[in-house]
Amino acid sequence: VGWGQPLNIRVLILVDDAVAASDWEKELYRMAVPPEMEVYFADVATAIREHAKYAGDPRPGLLITGDIESMYRLVKGVKAIGNVNLGGIHHRAGRSEKLRYIFLTPDEEQQLKQLESAGVEVTAQDVPSARAVPLPEVLEGAAR
């Protein structure tokens, strides 16, 4: 996580149904995280249920999702989430480049538009020192 050190992150919550169900994948993620950072793994349903606990932790924290679908379900399930950042969504079949670090499918674009129309601020920012790019600019690909 390129945001951990600059923001002094002490708690990381990874919301991903597949990772939460796999001890092997959780161990891989644990090995990649600095020892001073506590990591929680949750499926989307658990993250919705436990969100108030995560938000109440006084330590600097970051909640990330494994994909847009998980993020969409989480935000729909937790009305207190008012903004989301797209920090890096890699290329794969069916995705088109929007920014050098953001590739989206048409379905993912639609989910992001739905969140924004529901009042959630959606931006893209790959590192803390970069400018947060508003969703309309992301979808236009104008900020490349």
C-alpha atoms as a PDB file:
ATOM      1  CA  VAL A   1       0.000   0.000   0.000  1.00  0.00           C
ATOM      2  CA  GLY A   2       1.674   3.193  -1.218  1.00  0.00           C
ATOM      3  CA  TRP A   3      -0.434   5.223   1.180  1.00  0.00           C
ATOM      4  CA  GLY A   4       0.655   3.507   4.407  1.00  0.00           C
ATOM      5  CA  GLN A   5       3.822   5.382   5.258  1.00  0.00           C
ATOM      6  CA  PRO A   6       2.826   8.892   4.059  1.00  0.00           C
ATOM      7  CA  LEU A   7      -0.411   8.734   6.068  1.00  0.00           C
ATOM      8  CA  ASN A   8       1.085   6.819   9.017  1.00  0.00           C
ATOM      9  CA  ILE A   9      -1.547   4.092   8.567  1.00  0.00           C
ATOM     10  CA  ARG A  10      -1.734   1.726  11.553  1.00  0.00           C
ATOM     11  CA  VAL A  11      -4.858  -0.263  10.621  1.00  0.00           C
ATOM     12  CA  LEU A  12      -5.630  -1.741   7.210  1.00  0.00           C
ATOM     13  CA  ILE A  13      -8.965  -3.394   6.461  1.00  0.00           C
ATOM     14  CA  LEU A  14      -9.073  -5.402   3.231  1.00  0.00           C
ATOM     15  CA  VAL A  15     -12.632  -6.123   2.127  1.00  0.00           C
ATOM     16  CA  ASP A  16     -12.662  -8.971  -0.370  1.00  0.00           C
ATOM     17  CA  ASP A  17     -14.892 -12.047  -0.242  1.00  0.00           C
ATOM     18  CA  ALA A  18     -12.304 -14.381  -1.806  1.00  0.00           C
ATOM     19  CA  VAL A  19      -9.337 -13.201   0.276  1.00  0.00           C
ATOM     20  CA  ALA A  20     -11.353 -13.310   3.503  1.00  0.00           C
ATOM     21  CA  ALA A  21     -12.109 -16.977   2.802  1.00  0.00           C
ATOM     22  CA  SER A  22      -8.510 -17.966   1.998  1.00  0.00           C
ATOM     23  CA  ASP A  23      -5.937 -18.440   4.762  1.00  0.00           C
ATOM     24  CA  TRP A  24      -3.214 -18.703   2.126  1.00  0.00           C
ATOM     25  CA  GLU A  25      -4.080 -15.339   0.525  1.00  0.00           C
ATOM     26  CA  LYS A  26      -4.416 -13.653   3.911  1.00  0.00           C
ATOM     27  CA  GLU A  27      -0.932 -14.843   4.822  1.00  0.00           C
ATOM     28  CA  LEU A  28       0.458 -13.417   1.561  1.00  0.00           C
ATOM     29  CA  TYR A  29      -1.046 -10.022   2.364  1.00  0.00           C
ATOM     30  CA  ARG A  30       0.238 -10.145   5.951  1.00  0.00           C
ATOM     31  CA  MET A  31       3.776 -10.718   4.652  1.00  0.00           C
ATOM     32  CA  ALA A  32       3.524  -7.579   2.493  1.00  0.00           C
ATOM     33  CA  VAL A  33       2.393  -5.298   5.315  1.00  0.00           C
ATOM     34  CA  PRO A  34       4.853  -3.649   7.726  1.00  0.00           C
ATOM     35  CA  PRO A  35       4.815  -5.128  11.246  1.00  0.00           C
ATOM     36  CA  GLU A  36       3.519  -1.906  12.827  1.00  0.00           C
ATOM     37  CA  MET A  37       0.352  -2.096  10.715  1.00  0.00           C
ATOM     38  CA  GLU A  38      -2.521  -4.277  11.913  1.00  0.00           C
ATOM     39  CA  VAL A  39      -4.474  -5.975   9.120  1.00  0.00           C
ATOM     40  CA  TYR A  40      -8.086  -7.146   9.158  1.00  0.00           C
ATOM     41  CA  PHE A  41      -9.694  -9.210   6.416  1.00  0.00           C
ATOM     42  CA  ALA A  42     -13.444  -9.162   5.896  1.00  0.00           C
ATOM     43  CA  ASP A  43     -15.977 -10.238   3.343  1.00  0.00           C
ATOM     44  CA  VAL A  44     -18.406  -7.516   2.291  1.00  0.00           C
ATOM     45  CA  ALA A  45     -21.211  -8.640   4.616  1.00  0.00           C
ATOM     46  CA  THR A  46     -18.870  -8.632   7.624  1.00  0.00           C
ATOM     47  CA  ALA A  47     -17.414  -5.241   6.674  1.00  0.00           C
ATOM     48  CA  ILE A  48     -20.910  -3.758   6.509  1.00  0.00           C
ATOM     49  CA  ARG A  49     -21.723  -5.204   9.920  1.00  0.00           C
ATOM     50  CA  GLU A  50     -18.380  -4.141  11.480  1.00  0.00           C
ATOM     51  CA  HIS A  51     -17.990  -0.736   9.812  1.00  0.00           C
ATOM     52  CA  ALA A  52     -18.835   1.256  12.954  1.00  0.00           C
ATOM     53  CA  LYS A  53     -16.101  -0.640  14.831  1.00  0.00           C
ATOM     54  CA  TYR A  54     -13.551   0.102  12.110  1.00  0.00           C
ATOM     55  CA  ALA A  55     -14.577   3.770  11.933  1.00  0.00           C
ATOM     56  CA  GLY A  56     -14.352   4.064  15.722  1.00  0.00           C
ATOM     57  CA  ASP A  57     -10.737   2.880  15.885  1.00  0.00           C
ATOM     58  CA  PRO A  58      -8.663   5.935  16.889  1.00  0.00           C
ATOM     59  CA  ARG A  59      -5.600   4.800  14.916  1.00  0.00           C
ATOM     60  CA  PRO A  60      -5.086   6.124  11.377  1.00  0.00           C
ATOM     61  CA  GLY A  61      -6.662   3.530   9.098  1.00  0.00           C
ATOM     62  CA  LEU A  62      -7.421   2.643   5.533  1.00  0.00           C
ATOM     63  CA  LEU A  63     -10.221   0.440   4.225  1.00  0.00           C
ATOM     64  CA  ILE A  64      -9.628  -0.996   0.764  1.00  0.00           C
ATOM     65  CA  THR A  65     -11.679  -3.299  -1.408  1.00  0.00           C
ATOM     66  CA  GLY A  66     -10.456  -5.882  -3.862  1.00  0.00           C
ATOM     67  CA  ASP A  67     -12.683  -4.639  -6.678  1.00  0.00           C
ATOM     68  CA  ILE A  68     -15.335  -2.114  -7.683  1.00  0.00           C
ATOM     69  CA  GLU A  69     -18.204  -4.568  -7.103  1.00  0.00           C
ATOM     70  CA  SER A  70     -17.146  -5.098  -3.472  1.00  0.00           C
ATOM     71  CA  MET A  71     -16.722  -1.364  -2.959  1.00  0.00           C
ATOM     72  CA  TYR A  72     -20.130  -0.703  -4.491  1.00  0.00           C
ATOM     73  CA  ARG A  73     -21.825  -3.261  -2.218  1.00  0.00           C
ATOM     74  CA  LEU A  74     -19.999  -1.909   0.839  1.00  0.00           C
ATOM     75  CA  VAL A  75     -20.937   1.714   0.164  1.00  0.00           C
ATOM     76  CA  LYS A  76     -24.548   0.743  -0.552  1.00  0.00           C
ATOM     77  CA  GLY A  77     -24.615  -1.132   2.769  1.00  0.00           C
ATOM     78  CA  VAL A  78     -22.974   1.595   4.886  1.00  0.00           C
ATOM     79  CA  LYS A  79     -24.692   4.953   4.449  1.00  0.00           C
ATOM     80  CA  ALA A  80     -21.973   6.672   6.518  1.00  0.00           C
ATOM     81  CA  ILE A  81     -19.439   6.254   3.694  1.00  0.00           C
ATOM     82  CA  GLY A  82     -19.530   9.579   1.873  1.00  0.00           C
ATOM     83  CA  ASN A  83     -16.496   9.302  -0.360  1.00  0.00           C
ATOM     84  CA  VAL A  84     -14.358   6.703  -2.074  1.00  0.00           C
ATOM     85  CA  ASN A  85     -11.013   6.873  -3.812  1.00  0.00           C
ATOM     86  CA  LEU A  86      -9.969   4.765  -6.774  1.00  0.00           C
ATOM     87  CA  GLY A  87      -6.298   4.205  -6.023  1.00  0.00           C
ATOM     88  CA  GLY A  88      -5.312   1.739  -8.707  1.00  0.00           C
ATOM     89  CA  ILE A  89      -7.428  -0.543 -10.857  1.00  0.00           C
ATOM     90  CA  HIS A  90      -5.299  -2.594 -13.199  1.00  0.00           C
ATOM     91  CA  HIS A  91      -5.868  -3.663 -16.779  1.00  0.00           C
ATOM     92  CA  ARG A  92      -7.680  -6.885 -17.582  1.00  0.00           C
ATOM     93  CA  ALA A  93      -9.905  -8.120 -20.387  1.00  0.00           C
ATOM     94  CA  GLY A  94     -12.939  -5.894 -20.881  1.00  0.00           C
ATOM     95  CA  ARG A  95     -11.462  -2.851 -19.163  1.00  0.00           C
ATOM     96  CA  SER A  96     -10.451   0.336 -20.919  1.00  0.00           C
ATOM     97  CA  GLU A  97      -7.867   2.833 -19.724  1.00  0.00           C
ATOM     98  CA  LYS A  98      -9.230   5.981 -18.114  1.00  0.00           C
ATOM     99  CA  LEU A  99      -6.073   7.142 -16.336  1.00  0.00           C
ATOM    100  CA  ARG A 100      -2.640   5.521 -16.333  1.00  0.00           C
ATOM    101  CA  TYR A 101      -3.643   3.747 -13.109  1.00  0.00           C
ATOM    102  CA  ILE A 102      -7.400   3.295 -13.690  1.00  0.00           C
ATOM    103  CA  PHE A 103      -8.945   0.758 -16.071  1.00  0.00           C
ATOM    104  CA  LEU A 104     -12.712   0.177 -15.941  1.00  0.00           C
ATOM    105  CA  THR A 105     -15.360  -2.023 -17.531  1.00  0.00           C
ATOM    106  CA  PRO A 106     -18.648  -0.432 -18.623  1.00  0.00           C
ATOM    107  CA  ASP A 107     -20.379  -2.119 -15.643  1.00  0.00           C
ATOM    108  CA  GLU A 108     -17.817  -0.663 -13.222  1.00  0.00           C
ATOM    109  CA  GLU A 109     -18.310   2.783 -14.754  1.00  0.00           C
ATOM    110  CA  GLN A 110     -22.057   2.431 -14.232  1.00  0.00           C
ATOM    111  CA  GLN A 111     -21.639   1.415 -10.585  1.00  0.00           C
ATOM    112  CA  LEU A 112     -19.412   4.432  -9.940  1.00  0.00           C
ATOM    113  CA  LYS A 113     -21.934   6.754 -11.610  1.00  0.00           C
ATOM    114  CA  GLN A 114     -24.702   5.281  -9.453  1.00  0.00           C
ATOM    115  CA  LEU A 115     -22.698   5.921  -6.290  1.00  0.00           C
ATOM    116  CA  GLU A 116     -22.024   9.502  -7.291  1.00  0.00           C
ATOM    117  CA  SER A 117     -25.676  10.113  -8.174  1.00  0.00           C
ATOM    118  CA  ALA A 118     -26.536   8.823  -4.677  1.00  0.00           C
ATOM    119  CA  GLY A 119     -24.334  11.544  -3.149  1.00  0.00           C
ATOM    120  CA  VAL A 120     -21.053   9.652  -2.709  1.00  0.00           C
ATOM    121  CA  GLU A 121     -17.973  11.598  -3.812  1.00  0.00           C
ATOM    122  CA  VAL A 122     -15.891   9.390  -6.130  1.00  0.00           C
ATOM    123  CA  THR A 123     -12.341  10.432  -6.990  1.00  0.00           C
ATOM    124  CA  ALA A 124      -9.176   8.813  -8.299  1.00  0.00           C
ATOM    125  CA  GLN A 125      -5.795   9.416  -6.706  1.00  0.00           C
ATOM    126  CA  ASP A 126      -2.938   6.937  -6.999  1.00  0.00           C
ATOM    127  CA  VAL A 127      -0.693   8.471  -4.307  1.00  0.00           C
ATOM    128  CA  PRO A 128      -1.371  10.962  -1.498  1.00  0.00           C
ATOM    129  CA  SER A 129       0.680  13.723  -3.156  1.00  0.00           C
ATOM    130  CA  ALA A 130      -1.286  13.548  -6.432  1.00  0.00           C
ATOM    131  CA  ARG A 131      -4.370  15.582  -7.274  1.00  0.00           C
ATOM    132  CA  ALA A 132      -7.694  13.860  -6.593  1.00  0.00           C
ATOM    133  CA  VAL A 133      -9.377  13.492  -9.999  1.00  0.00           C
ATOM    134  CA  PRO A 134     -13.198  13.826  -9.915  1.00  0.00           C
ATOM    135  CA  LEU A 135     -15.205  10.958 -11.415  1.00  0.00           C
ATOM    136  CA  PRO A 136     -16.402  12.877 -14.506  1.00  0.00           C
ATOM    137  CA  GLU A 137     -12.764  13.556 -15.461  1.00  0.00           C
ATOM    138  CA  VAL A 138     -11.852   9.931 -14.798  1.00  0.00           C
ATOM    139  CA  LEU A 139     -14.614   8.650 -17.057  1.00  0.00           C
ATOM    140  CA  GLU A 140     -13.673  11.090 -19.815  1.00  0.00           C
ATOM    141  CA  GLY A 141     -10.066   9.980 -19.548  1.00  0.00           C
ATOM    142  CA  ALA A 142      -9.176  13.678 -19.717  1.00  0.00           C
ATOM    143  CA  ALA A 143      -6.724  13.650 -16.817  1.00  0.00           C
ATOM    144  CA  ARG A 144      -4.185  11.286 -18.381  1.00  0.00           C
END
